[in-house]
Amino acid sequence: MKQTLRIVLASFLTTAAIIKAAPALAEPVSANVNVSVVSTADLDLSTDKGRRQLDQRLVIAAREVCGAASDADLAGKNQVRRCRDEVLIRAHERRAGVLAGEPIAVTAAR
């Protein structure tokens, strides 16, 4: 009987220690980053039409990575608008140096 109690108690303490230590062993929580890759391979960026098409793709990618807010959430709407503005600024900075055929990664932390 004593041996059974020792085994049960040891099992209980071992299980409790593992459960208690699990959060400490887990990976740290990282920021949620959304990414959209905009392809430029099929665009001729030397023409106005190609640059306009790229701009349209960048706007769509900014919408994808920043998401949307409810119409009732004015603060959320403003946050989404700021996110899109910041994403487009960074994307246009990258666009200036991109060569035709290289994709542009559009990212936003949410």
PDB file of N, CA and C in Angstrom:
ATOM      1  N   MET A   1       0.819  -1.192   0.000  1.00  0.00           N
ATOM      2  CA  MET A   1       0.000   0.000   0.000  1.00  0.00           C
ATOM      3  C   MET A   1       0.866   1.260   0.000  1.00  0.00           C
ATOM      4  N   LYS A   2       1.947   1.251   0.844  1.00  0.00           N
ATOM      5  CA  LYS A   2       2.838   2.406   0.893  1.00  0.00           C
ATOM      6  C   LYS A   2       3.521   2.626  -0.462  1.00  0.00           C
ATOM      7  N   GLN A   3       3.902   1.539  -1.089  1.00  0.00           N
ATOM      8  CA  GLN A   3       4.567   1.627  -2.395  1.00  0.00           C
ATOM      9  C   GLN A   3       3.617   2.247  -3.433  1.00  0.00           C
ATOM     10  N   THR A   4       2.352   1.886  -3.407  1.00  0.00           N
ATOM     11  CA  THR A   4       1.359   2.423  -4.332  1.00  0.00           C
ATOM     12  C   THR A   4       1.176   3.917  -4.107  1.00  0.00           C
ATOM     13  N   LEU A   5       1.105   4.343  -2.847  1.00  0.00           N
ATOM     14  CA  LEU A   5       0.978   5.770  -2.537  1.00  0.00           C
ATOM     15  C   LEU A   5       2.192   6.560  -3.011  1.00  0.00           C
ATOM     16  N   ARG A   6       3.372   5.983  -2.824  1.00  0.00           N
ATOM     17  CA  ARG A   6       4.594   6.657  -3.287  1.00  0.00           C
ATOM     18  C   ARG A   6       4.584   6.824  -4.810  1.00  0.00           C
ATOM     19  N   ILE A   7       4.164   5.798  -5.509  1.00  0.00           N
ATOM     20  CA  ILE A   7       4.118   5.865  -6.981  1.00  0.00           C
ATOM     21  C   ILE A   7       3.093   6.910  -7.434  1.00  0.00           C
ATOM     22  N   VAL A   8       1.925   6.908  -6.813  1.00  0.00           N
ATOM     23  CA  VAL A   8       0.889   7.877  -7.165  1.00  0.00           C
ATOM     24  C   VAL A   8       1.361   9.295  -6.856  1.00  0.00           C
ATOM     25  N   LEU A   9       1.948   9.483  -5.676  1.00  0.00           N
ATOM     26  CA  LEU A   9       2.443  10.807  -5.286  1.00  0.00           C
ATOM     27  C   LEU A   9       3.564  11.268  -6.221  1.00  0.00           C
ATOM     28  N   ALA A  10       4.488  10.373  -6.543  1.00  0.00           N
ATOM     29  CA  ALA A  10       5.581  10.723  -7.457  1.00  0.00           C
ATOM     30  C   ALA A  10       5.038  11.077  -8.843  1.00  0.00           C
ATOM     31  N   SER A  11       4.072  10.309  -9.311  1.00  0.00           N
ATOM     32  CA  SER A  11       3.458  10.596 -10.615  1.00  0.00           C
ATOM     33  C   SER A  11       2.756  11.947 -10.603  1.00  0.00           C
ATOM     34  N   PHE A  12       2.037  12.215  -9.521  1.00  0.00           N
ATOM     35  CA  PHE A  12       1.334  13.481  -9.394  1.00  0.00           C
ATOM     36  C   PHE A  12       2.315  14.651  -9.393  1.00  0.00           C
ATOM     37  N   LEU A  13       3.378  14.556  -8.598  1.00  0.00           N
ATOM     38  CA  LEU A  13       4.358  15.647  -8.515  1.00  0.00           C
ATOM     39  C   LEU A  13       5.090  15.848  -9.842  1.00  0.00           C
ATOM     40  N   THR A  14       5.412  14.764 -10.519  1.00  0.00           N
ATOM     41  CA  THR A  14       6.083  14.864 -11.820  1.00  0.00           C
ATOM     42  C   THR A  14       5.165  15.529 -12.847  1.00  0.00           C
ATOM     43  N   THR A  15       3.913  15.118 -12.875  1.00  0.00           N
ATOM     44  CA  THR A  15       2.939  15.709 -13.798  1.00  0.00           C
ATOM     45  C   THR A  15       2.736  17.186 -13.494  1.00  0.00           C
ATOM     46  N   ALA A  16       2.611  17.536 -12.228  1.00  0.00           N
ATOM     47  CA  ALA A  16       2.435  18.941 -11.837  1.00  0.00           C
ATOM     48  C   ALA A  16       3.642  19.775 -12.236  1.00  0.00           C
ATOM     49  N   ALA A  17       4.840  19.233 -12.064  1.00  0.00           N
ATOM     50  CA  ALA A  17       6.052  19.965 -12.433  1.00  0.00           C
ATOM     51  C   ALA A  17       6.121  20.195 -13.941  1.00  0.00           C
ATOM     52  N   ILE A  18       5.736  19.183 -14.711  1.00  0.00           N
ATOM     53  CA  ILE A  18       5.759  19.314 -16.170  1.00  0.00           C
ATOM     54  C   ILE A  18       4.742  20.353 -16.629  1.00  0.00           C
ATOM     55  N   ILE A  19       3.547  20.285 -16.054  1.00  0.00           N
ATOM     56  CA  ILE A  19       2.509  21.254 -16.424  1.00  0.00           C
ATOM     57  C   ILE A  19       2.929  22.671 -16.051  1.00  0.00           C
ATOM     58  N   LYS A  20       3.538  22.812 -14.897  1.00  0.00           N
ATOM     59  CA  LYS A  20       3.971  24.134 -14.433  1.00  0.00           C
ATOM     60  C   LYS A  20       5.110  24.676 -15.298  1.00  0.00           C
ATOM     61  N   ALA A  21       5.992  23.794 -15.774  1.00  0.00           N
ATOM     62  CA  ALA A  21       7.151  24.224 -16.551  1.00  0.00           C
ATOM     63  C   ALA A  21       6.832  24.426 -18.028  1.00  0.00           C
ATOM     64  N   ALA A  22       5.732  23.897 -18.522  1.00  0.00           N
ATOM     65  CA  ALA A  22       5.411  23.977 -19.952  1.00  0.00           C
ATOM     66  C   ALA A  22       5.393  25.404 -20.490  1.00  0.00           C
ATOM     67  N   PRO A  23       4.760  26.383 -19.825  1.00  0.00           N
ATOM     68  CA  PRO A  23       4.790  27.744 -20.360  1.00  0.00           C
ATOM     69  C   PRO A  23       6.204  28.327 -20.429  1.00  0.00           C
ATOM     70  N   ALA A  24       7.047  27.981 -19.491  1.00  0.00           N
ATOM     71  CA  ALA A  24       8.408  28.498 -19.497  1.00  0.00           C
ATOM     72  C   ALA A  24       9.221  27.918 -20.644  1.00  0.00           C
ATOM     73  N   LEU A  25       8.894  26.702 -21.060  1.00  0.00           N
ATOM     74  CA  LEU A  25       9.612  26.053 -22.153  1.00  0.00           C
ATOM     75  C   LEU A  25       9.048  26.406 -23.524  1.00  0.00           C
ATOM     76  N   ALA A  26       7.887  27.000 -23.552  1.00  0.00           N
ATOM     77  CA  ALA A  26       7.254  27.339 -24.828  1.00  0.00           C
ATOM     78  C   ALA A  26       8.010  28.464 -25.513  1.00  0.00           C
ATOM     79  N   GLU A  27       7.805  28.570 -26.822  1.00  0.00           N
ATOM     80  CA  GLU A  27       8.427  29.642 -27.582  1.00  0.00           C
ATOM     81  C   GLU A  27       7.789  30.970 -27.207  1.00  0.00           C
ATOM     82  N   PRO A  28       8.563  32.045 -27.241  1.00  0.00           N
ATOM     83  CA  PRO A  28       7.984  33.351 -26.930  1.00  0.00           C
ATOM     84  C   PRO A  28       6.957  33.757 -27.978  1.00  0.00           C
ATOM     85  N   VAL A  29       5.989  34.504 -27.553  1.00  0.00           N
ATOM     86  CA  VAL A  29       4.941  34.971 -28.449  1.00  0.00           C
ATOM     87  C   VAL A  29       5.516  36.084 -29.316  1.00  0.00           C
ATOM     88  N   SER A  30       5.326  35.963 -30.612  1.00  0.00           N
ATOM     89  CA  SER A  30       5.830  36.982 -31.525  1.00  0.00           C
ATOM     90  C   SER A  30       4.665  37.818 -32.041  1.00  0.00           C
ATOM     91  N   ALA A  31       5.005  38.977 -32.559  1.00  0.00           N
ATOM     92  CA  ALA A  31       3.978  39.852 -33.120  1.00  0.00           C
ATOM     93  C   ALA A  31       3.363  39.195 -34.349  1.00  0.00           C
ATOM     94  N   ASN A  32       2.095  39.411 -34.530  1.00  0.00           N
ATOM     95  CA  ASN A  32       1.395  38.866 -35.692  1.00  0.00           C
ATOM     96  C   ASN A  32       1.718  39.743 -36.896  1.00  0.00           C
ATOM     97  N   VAL A  33       2.447  39.191 -37.844  1.00  0.00           N
ATOM     98  CA  VAL A  33       2.843  39.943 -39.030  1.00  0.00           C
ATOM     99  C   VAL A  33       2.175  39.316 -40.246  1.00  0.00           C
ATOM    100  N   ASN A  34       1.464  40.126 -40.984  1.00  0.00           N
ATOM    101  CA  ASN A  34       0.825  39.670 -42.218  1.00  0.00           C
ATOM    102  C   ASN A  34       1.707  40.065 -43.393  1.00  0.00           C
ATOM    103  N   VAL A  35       1.813  39.164 -44.349  1.00  0.00           N
ATOM    104  CA  VAL A  35       2.676  39.397 -45.516  1.00  0.00           C
ATOM    105  C   VAL A  35       1.894  39.102 -46.786  1.00  0.00           C
ATOM    106  N   SER A  36       2.066  39.951 -47.765  1.00  0.00           N
ATOM    107  CA  SER A  36       1.522  39.724 -49.093  1.00  0.00           C
ATOM    108  C   SER A  36       2.642  40.000 -50.094  1.00  0.00           C
ATOM    109  N   VAL A  37       2.887  39.069 -50.978  1.00  0.00           N
ATOM    110  CA  VAL A  37       3.952  39.236 -51.968  1.00  0.00           C
ATOM    111  C   VAL A  37       3.323  39.693 -53.276  1.00  0.00           C
ATOM    112  N   VAL A  38       3.814  40.808 -53.787  1.00  0.00           N
ATOM    113  CA  VAL A  38       3.303  41.382 -55.030  1.00  0.00           C
ATOM    114  C   VAL A  38       4.278  41.048 -56.150  1.00  0.00           C
ATOM    115  N   SER A  39       3.807  40.300 -57.123  1.00  0.00           N
ATOM    116  CA  SER A  39       4.649  39.892 -58.239  1.00  0.00           C
ATOM    117  C   SER A  39       4.741  41.022 -59.272  1.00  0.00           C
ATOM    118  N   THR A  40       5.948  41.193 -59.800  1.00  0.00           N
ATOM    119  CA  THR A  40       6.156  42.193 -60.854  1.00  0.00           C
ATOM    120  C   THR A  40       6.659  41.545 -62.141  1.00  0.00           C
ATOM    121  N   ALA A  41       6.718  40.216 -62.154  1.00  0.00           N
ATOM    122  CA  ALA A  41       7.310  39.511 -63.293  1.00  0.00           C
ATOM    123  C   ALA A  41       6.581  39.780 -64.603  1.00  0.00           C
ATOM    124  N   ASP A  42       5.262  39.950 -64.547  1.00  0.00           N
ATOM    125  CA  ASP A  42       4.489  40.129 -65.772  1.00  0.00           C
ATOM    126  C   ASP A  42       4.269  41.603 -66.122  1.00  0.00           C
ATOM    127  N   LEU A  43       4.925  42.520 -65.393  1.00  0.00           N
ATOM    128  CA  LEU A  43       4.737  43.953 -65.633  1.00  0.00           C
ATOM    129  C   LEU A  43       5.947  44.559 -66.330  1.00  0.00           C
ATOM    130  N   ASP A  44       5.687  45.507 -67.191  1.00  0.00           N
ATOM    131  CA  ASP A  44       6.753  46.294 -67.799  1.00  0.00           C
ATOM    132  C   ASP A  44       6.804  47.614 -67.046  1.00  0.00           C
ATOM    133  N   LEU A  45       7.691  47.689 -66.064  1.00  0.00           N
ATOM    134  CA  LEU A  45       7.755  48.873 -65.199  1.00  0.00           C
ATOM    135  C   LEU A  45       8.385  50.083 -65.876  1.00  0.00           C
ATOM    136  N   SER A  46       8.815  49.925 -67.118  1.00  0.00           N
ATOM    137  CA  SER A  46       9.344  51.076 -67.843  1.00  0.00           C
ATOM    138  C   SER A  46       8.217  51.896 -68.473  1.00  0.00           C
ATOM    139  N   THR A  47       6.979  51.386 -68.424  1.00  0.00           N
ATOM    140  CA  THR A  47       5.838  52.110 -68.992  1.00  0.00           C
ATOM    141  C   THR A  47       4.931  52.617 -67.871  1.00  0.00           C
ATOM    142  N   ASP A  48       4.157  53.652 -68.187  1.00  0.00           N
ATOM    143  CA  ASP A  48       3.194  54.190 -67.219  1.00  0.00           C
ATOM    144  C   ASP A  48       2.139  53.142 -66.868  1.00  0.00           C
ATOM    145  N   LYS A  49       1.700  52.388 -67.868  1.00  0.00           N
ATOM    146  CA  LYS A  49       0.679  51.360 -67.626  1.00  0.00           C
ATOM    147  C   LYS A  49       1.189  50.318 -66.632  1.00  0.00           C
ATOM    148  N   GLY A  50       2.426  49.879 -66.797  1.00  0.00           N
ATOM    149  CA  GLY A  50       3.008  48.888 -65.895  1.00  0.00           C
ATOM    150  C   GLY A  50       3.135  49.413 -64.472  1.00  0.00           C
ATOM    151  N   ARG A  51       3.541  50.679 -64.340  1.00  0.00           N
ATOM    152  CA  ARG A  51       3.658  51.284 -62.998  1.00  0.00           C
ATOM    153  C   ARG A  51       2.294  51.473 -62.351  1.00  0.00           C
ATOM    154  N   ARG A  52       1.268  51.827 -63.151  1.00  0.00           N
ATOM    155  CA  ARG A  52      -0.095  51.949 -62.600  1.00  0.00           C
ATOM    156  C   ARG A  52      -0.618  50.601 -62.118  1.00  0.00           C
ATOM    157  N   GLN A  53      -0.352  49.556 -62.899  1.00  0.00           N
ATOM    158  CA  GLN A  53      -0.779  48.214 -62.497  1.00  0.00           C
ATOM    159  C   GLN A  53      -0.080  47.797 -61.196  1.00  0.00           C
ATOM    160  N   LEU A  54       1.200  48.120 -61.075  1.00  0.00           N
ATOM    161  CA  LEU A  54       1.923  47.812 -59.841  1.00  0.00           C
ATOM    162  C   LEU A  54       1.318  48.575 -58.659  1.00  0.00           C
ATOM    163  N   ASP A  55       1.004  49.854 -58.872  1.00  0.00           N
ATOM    164  CA  ASP A  55       0.384  50.645 -57.806  1.00  0.00           C
ATOM    165  C   ASP A  55      -0.945  50.034 -57.366  1.00  0.00           C
ATOM    166  N   GLN A  56      -1.746  49.551 -58.322  1.00  0.00           N
ATOM    167  CA  GLN A  56      -3.016  48.911 -57.975  1.00  0.00           C
ATOM    168  C   GLN A  56      -2.781  47.639 -57.158  1.00  0.00           C
ATOM    169  N   ARG A  57      -1.778  46.869 -57.542  1.00  0.00           N
ATOM    170  CA  ARG A  57      -1.461  45.648 -56.800  1.00  0.00           C
ATOM    171  C   ARG A  57      -0.991  45.969 -55.382  1.00  0.00           C
ATOM    172  N   LEU A  58      -0.221  47.047 -55.247  1.00  0.00           N
ATOM    173  CA  LEU A  58       0.260  47.434 -53.921  1.00  0.00           C
ATOM    174  C   LEU A  58      -0.895  47.878 -53.023  1.00  0.00           C
ATOM    175  N   VAL A  59      -1.864  48.589 -53.586  1.00  0.00           N
ATOM    176  CA  VAL A  59      -3.040  49.013 -52.815  1.00  0.00           C
ATOM    177  C   VAL A  59      -3.830  47.783 -52.345  1.00  0.00           C
ATOM    178  N   ILE A  60      -4.011  46.818 -53.239  1.00  0.00           N
ATOM    179  CA  ILE A  60      -4.729  45.587 -52.877  1.00  0.00           C
ATOM    180  C   ILE A  60      -3.969  44.839 -51.783  1.00  0.00           C
ATOM    181  N   ALA A  61      -2.642  44.764 -51.915  1.00  0.00           N
ATOM    182  CA  ALA A  61      -1.828  44.074 -50.904  1.00  0.00           C
ATOM    183  C   ALA A  61      -1.921  44.786 -49.555  1.00  0.00           C
ATOM    184  N   ALA A  62      -1.942  46.119 -49.567  1.00  0.00           N
ATOM    185  CA  ALA A  62      -2.066  46.871 -48.319  1.00  0.00           C
ATOM    186  C   ALA A  62      -3.405  46.576 -47.652  1.00  0.00           C
ATOM    187  N   ARG A  63      -4.466  46.463 -48.447  1.00  0.00           N
ATOM    188  CA  ARG A  63      -5.775  46.104 -47.888  1.00  0.00           C
ATOM    189  C   ARG A  63      -5.729  44.716 -47.262  1.00  0.00           C
ATOM    190  N   GLU A  64      -5.044  43.791 -47.929  1.00  0.00           N
ATOM    191  CA  GLU A  64      -4.961  42.418 -47.426  1.00  0.00           C
ATOM    192  C   GLU A  64      -4.210  42.349 -46.101  1.00  0.00           C
ATOM    193  N   VAL A  65      -3.064  43.014 -46.007  1.00  0.00           N
ATOM    194  CA  VAL A  65      -2.241  42.876 -44.803  1.00  0.00           C
ATOM    195  C   VAL A  65      -2.755  43.704 -43.636  1.00  0.00           C
ATOM    196  N   CYS A  66      -3.464  44.793 -43.906  1.00  0.00           N
ATOM    197  CA  CYS A  66      -3.958  45.643 -42.818  1.00  0.00           C
ATOM    198  C   CYS A  66      -5.352  45.248 -42.360  1.00  0.00           C
ATOM    199  N   GLY A  67      -6.065  44.513 -43.170  1.00  0.00           N
ATOM    200  CA  GLY A  67      -7.393  44.077 -42.776  1.00  0.00           C
ATOM    201  C   GLY A  67      -8.408  45.203 -42.846  1.00  0.00           C
ATOM    202  N   ALA A  68      -9.516  45.003 -42.137  1.00  0.00           N
ATOM    203  CA  ALA A  68     -10.602  45.974 -42.133  1.00  0.00           C
ATOM    204  C   ALA A  68     -11.155  46.072 -40.727  1.00  0.00           C
ATOM    205  N   ALA A  69     -11.836  47.169 -40.453  1.00  0.00           N
ATOM    206  CA  ALA A  69     -12.477  47.373 -39.151  1.00  0.00           C
ATOM    207  C   ALA A  69     -13.969  47.560 -39.380  1.00  0.00           C
ATOM    208  N   SER A  70     -14.713  47.293 -38.355  1.00  0.00           N
ATOM    209  CA  SER A  70     -16.158  47.471 -38.405  1.00  0.00           C
ATOM    210  C   SER A  70     -16.499  48.934 -38.642  1.00  0.00           C
ATOM    211  N   ASP A  71     -17.613  49.193 -39.321  1.00  0.00           N
ATOM    212  CA  ASP A  71     -18.048  50.568 -39.543  1.00  0.00           C
ATOM    213  C   ASP A  71     -18.347  51.284 -38.228  1.00  0.00           C
ATOM    214  N   ALA A  72     -18.678  50.538 -37.196  1.00  0.00           N
ATOM    215  CA  ALA A  72     -18.989  51.128 -35.899  1.00  0.00           C
ATOM    216  C   ALA A  72     -17.731  51.444 -35.087  1.00  0.00           C
ATOM    217  N   ASP A  73     -16.587  50.936 -35.504  1.00  0.00           N
ATOM    218  CA  ASP A  73     -15.333  51.107 -34.771  1.00  0.00           C
ATOM    219  C   ASP A  73     -14.488  52.204 -35.414  1.00  0.00           C
ATOM    220  N   LEU A  74     -14.712  53.447 -34.996  1.00  0.00           N
ATOM    221  CA  LEU A  74     -13.993  54.570 -35.607  1.00  0.00           C
ATOM    222  C   LEU A  74     -12.495  54.516 -35.318  1.00  0.00           C
ATOM    223  N   ALA A  75     -12.128  54.152 -34.103  1.00  0.00           N
ATOM    224  CA  ALA A  75     -10.704  54.045 -33.767  1.00  0.00           C
ATOM    225  C   ALA A  75     -10.052  52.956 -34.613  1.00  0.00           C
ATOM    226  N   GLY A  76     -10.747  51.845 -34.788  1.00  0.00           N
ATOM    227  CA  GLY A  76     -10.229  50.763 -35.625  1.00  0.00           C
ATOM    228  C   GLY A  76     -10.096  51.176 -37.076  1.00  0.00           C
ATOM    229  N   LYS A  77     -11.075  51.924 -37.570  1.00  0.00           N
ATOM    230  CA  LYS A  77     -11.016  52.440 -38.947  1.00  0.00           C
ATOM    231  C   LYS A  77      -9.790  53.328 -39.135  1.00  0.00           C
ATOM    232  N   ASN A  78      -9.540  54.210 -38.155  1.00  0.00           N
ATOM    233  CA  ASN A  78      -8.383  55.101 -38.240  1.00  0.00           C
ATOM    234  C   ASN A  78      -7.081  54.317 -38.180  1.00  0.00           C
ATOM    235  N   GLN A  79      -7.036  53.279 -37.353  1.00  0.00           N
ATOM    236  CA  GLN A  79      -5.843  52.448 -37.252  1.00  0.00           C
ATOM    237  C   GLN A  79      -5.584  51.720 -38.578  1.00  0.00           C
ATOM    238  N   VAL A  80      -6.625  51.198 -39.199  1.00  0.00           N
ATOM    239  CA  VAL A  80      -6.482  50.517 -40.493  1.00  0.00           C
ATOM    240  C   VAL A  80      -6.005  51.509 -41.551  1.00  0.00           C
ATOM    241  N   ARG A  81      -6.561  52.718 -41.547  1.00  0.00           N
ATOM    242  CA  ARG A  81      -6.159  53.735 -42.522  1.00  0.00           C
ATOM    243  C   ARG A  81      -4.674  54.086 -42.346  1.00  0.00           C
ATOM    244  N   ARG A  82      -4.234  54.254 -41.085  1.00  0.00           N
ATOM    245  CA  ARG A  82      -2.812  54.556 -40.839  1.00  0.00           C
ATOM    246  C   ARG A  82      -1.933  53.391 -41.281  1.00  0.00           C
ATOM    247  N   CYS A  83      -2.381  52.169 -41.002  1.00  0.00           N
ATOM    248  CA  CYS A  83      -1.624  50.986 -41.411  1.00  0.00           C
ATOM    249  C   CYS A  83      -1.455  50.965 -42.928  1.00  0.00           C
ATOM    250  N   ARG A  84      -2.540  51.181 -43.649  1.00  0.00           N
ATOM    251  CA  ARG A  84      -2.458  51.171 -45.117  1.00  0.00           C
ATOM    252  C   ARG A  84      -1.541  52.257 -45.634  1.00  0.00           C
ATOM    253  N   ASP A  85      -1.630  53.459 -45.050  1.00  0.00           N
ATOM    254  CA  ASP A  85      -0.752  54.553 -45.473  1.00  0.00           C
ATOM    255  C   ASP A  85       0.718  54.192 -45.249  1.00  0.00           C
ATOM    256  N   GLU A  86       1.033  53.649 -44.067  1.00  0.00           N
ATOM    257  CA  GLU A  86       2.424  53.288 -43.754  1.00  0.00           C
ATOM    258  C   GLU A  86       2.921  52.161 -44.654  1.00  0.00           C
ATOM    259  N   VAL A  87       2.066  51.179 -44.893  1.00  0.00           N
ATOM    260  CA  VAL A  87       2.447  50.054 -45.753  1.00  0.00           C
ATOM    261  C   VAL A  87       2.717  50.541 -47.173  1.00  0.00           C
ATOM    262  N   LEU A  88       1.859  51.413 -47.678  1.00  0.00           N
ATOM    263  CA  LEU A  88       2.050  51.912 -49.043  1.00  0.00           C
ATOM    264  C   LEU A  88       3.303  52.777 -49.155  1.00  0.00           C
ATOM    265  N   ILE A  89       3.601  53.553 -48.138  1.00  0.00           N
ATOM    266  CA  ILE A  89       4.833  54.355 -48.166  1.00  0.00           C
ATOM    267  C   ILE A  89       6.051  53.441 -48.261  1.00  0.00           C
ATOM    268  N   ARG A  90       6.093  52.406 -47.408  1.00  0.00           N
ATOM    269  CA  ARG A  90       7.229  51.469 -47.443  1.00  0.00           C
ATOM    270  C   ARG A  90       7.284  50.721 -48.773  1.00  0.00           C
ATOM    271  N   ALA A  91       6.133  50.313 -49.291  1.00  0.00           N
ATOM    272  CA  ALA A  91       6.104  49.583 -50.564  1.00  0.00           C
ATOM    273  C   ALA A  91       6.585  50.462 -51.714  1.00  0.00           C
ATOM    274  N   HIS A  92       6.176  51.736 -51.722  1.00  0.00           N
ATOM    275  CA  HIS A  92       6.621  52.639 -52.786  1.00  0.00           C
ATOM    276  C   HIS A  92       8.113  52.915 -52.683  1.00  0.00           C
ATOM    277  N   GLU A  93       8.656  52.936 -51.473  1.00  0.00           N
ATOM    278  CA  GLU A  93      10.102  53.096 -51.323  1.00  0.00           C
ATOM    279  C   GLU A  93      10.835  51.900 -51.921  1.00  0.00           C
ATOM    280  N   ARG A  94      10.301  50.705 -51.715  1.00  0.00           N
ATOM    281  CA  ARG A  94      10.915  49.504 -52.291  1.00  0.00           C
ATOM    282  C   ARG A  94      10.727  49.459 -53.798  1.00  0.00           C
ATOM    283  N   ARG A  95       9.591  49.971 -54.261  1.00  0.00           N
ATOM    284  CA  ARG A  95       9.288  49.954 -55.692  1.00  0.00           C
ATOM    285  C   ARG A  95      10.303  50.762 -56.466  1.00  0.00           C
ATOM    286  N   ALA A  96      10.770  51.844 -55.890  1.00  0.00           N
ATOM    287  CA  ALA A  96      11.711  52.716 -56.594  1.00  0.00           C
ATOM    288  C   ALA A  96      12.988  51.968 -56.983  1.00  0.00           C
ATOM    289  N   GLY A  97      13.400  50.989 -56.193  1.00  0.00           N
ATOM    290  CA  GLY A  97      14.630  50.271 -56.491  1.00  0.00           C
ATOM    291  C   GLY A  97      14.438  48.896 -57.074  1.00  0.00           C
ATOM    292  N   VAL A  98      13.198  48.492 -57.300  1.00  0.00           N
ATOM    293  CA  VAL A  98      12.966  47.130 -57.773  1.00  0.00           C
ATOM    294  C   VAL A  98      13.176  47.032 -59.288  1.00  0.00           C
ATOM    295  N   LEU A  99      13.710  45.918 -59.691  1.00  0.00           N
ATOM    296  CA  LEU A  99      13.860  45.635 -61.120  1.00  0.00           C
ATOM    297  C   LEU A  99      12.683  44.772 -61.546  1.00  0.00           C
ATOM    298  N   ALA A 100      12.289  44.870 -62.782  1.00  0.00           N
ATOM    299  CA  ALA A 100      11.173  44.056 -63.291  1.00  0.00           C
ATOM    300  C   ALA A 100      11.483  42.572 -63.046  1.00  0.00           C
ATOM    301  N   GLY A 101      10.497  41.871 -62.544  1.00  0.00           N
ATOM    302  CA  GLY A 101      10.651  40.454 -62.301  1.00  0.00           C
ATOM    303  C   GLY A 101      10.873  40.107 -60.839  1.00  0.00           C
ATOM    304  N   GLU A 102      11.227  41.084 -60.010  1.00  0.00           N
ATOM    305  CA  GLU A 102      11.423  40.808 -58.585  1.00  0.00           C
ATOM    306  C   GLU A 102      10.156  41.124 -57.823  1.00  0.00           C
ATOM    307  N   PRO A 103       9.715  40.240 -56.930  1.00  0.00           N
ATOM    308  CA  PRO A 103       8.512  40.517 -56.155  1.00  0.00           C
ATOM    309  C   PRO A 103       8.774  41.525 -55.048  1.00  0.00           C
ATOM    310  N   ILE A 104       7.726  42.190 -54.604  1.00  0.00           N
ATOM    311  CA  ILE A 104       7.798  43.127 -53.488  1.00  0.00           C
ATOM    312  C   ILE A 104       7.005  42.524 -52.351  1.00  0.00           C
ATOM    313  N   ALA A 105       7.625  42.391 -51.178  1.00  0.00           N
ATOM    314  CA  ALA A 105       6.921  41.874 -50.009  1.00  0.00           C
ATOM    315  C   ALA A 105       6.289  43.057 -49.258  1.00  0.00           C
ATOM    316  N   VAL A 106       4.992  42.982 -49.054  1.00  0.00           N
ATOM    317  CA  VAL A 106       4.250  44.014 -48.329  1.00  0.00           C
ATOM    318  C   VAL A 106       3.888  43.422 -46.974  1.00  0.00           C
ATOM    319  N   THR A 107       4.313  44.099 -45.870  1.00  0.00           N
ATOM    320  CA  THR A 107       4.097  43.553 -44.542  1.00  0.00           C
ATOM    321  C   THR A 107       3.443  44.574 -43.626  1.00  0.00           C
ATOM    322  N   ALA A 108       2.723  44.050 -42.629  1.00  0.00           N
ATOM    323  CA  ALA A 108       2.127  44.887 -41.586  1.00  0.00           C
ATOM    324  C   ALA A 108       1.979  44.070 -40.330  1.00  0.00           C
ATOM    325  N   ALA A 109       2.367  44.644 -39.195  1.00  0.00           N
ATOM    326  CA  ALA A 109       2.176  43.986 -37.901  1.00  0.00           C
ATOM    327  C   ALA A 109       0.810  44.367 -37.366  1.00  0.00           C
ATOM    328  N   ARG A 110       0.066  43.352 -36.943  1.00  0.00           N
ATOM    329  CA  ARG A 110      -1.271  43.628 -36.406  1.00  0.00           C
ATOM    330  C   ARG A 110      -1.383  43.071 -35.030  1.00  0.00           C
TER     331      ARG A 110
END
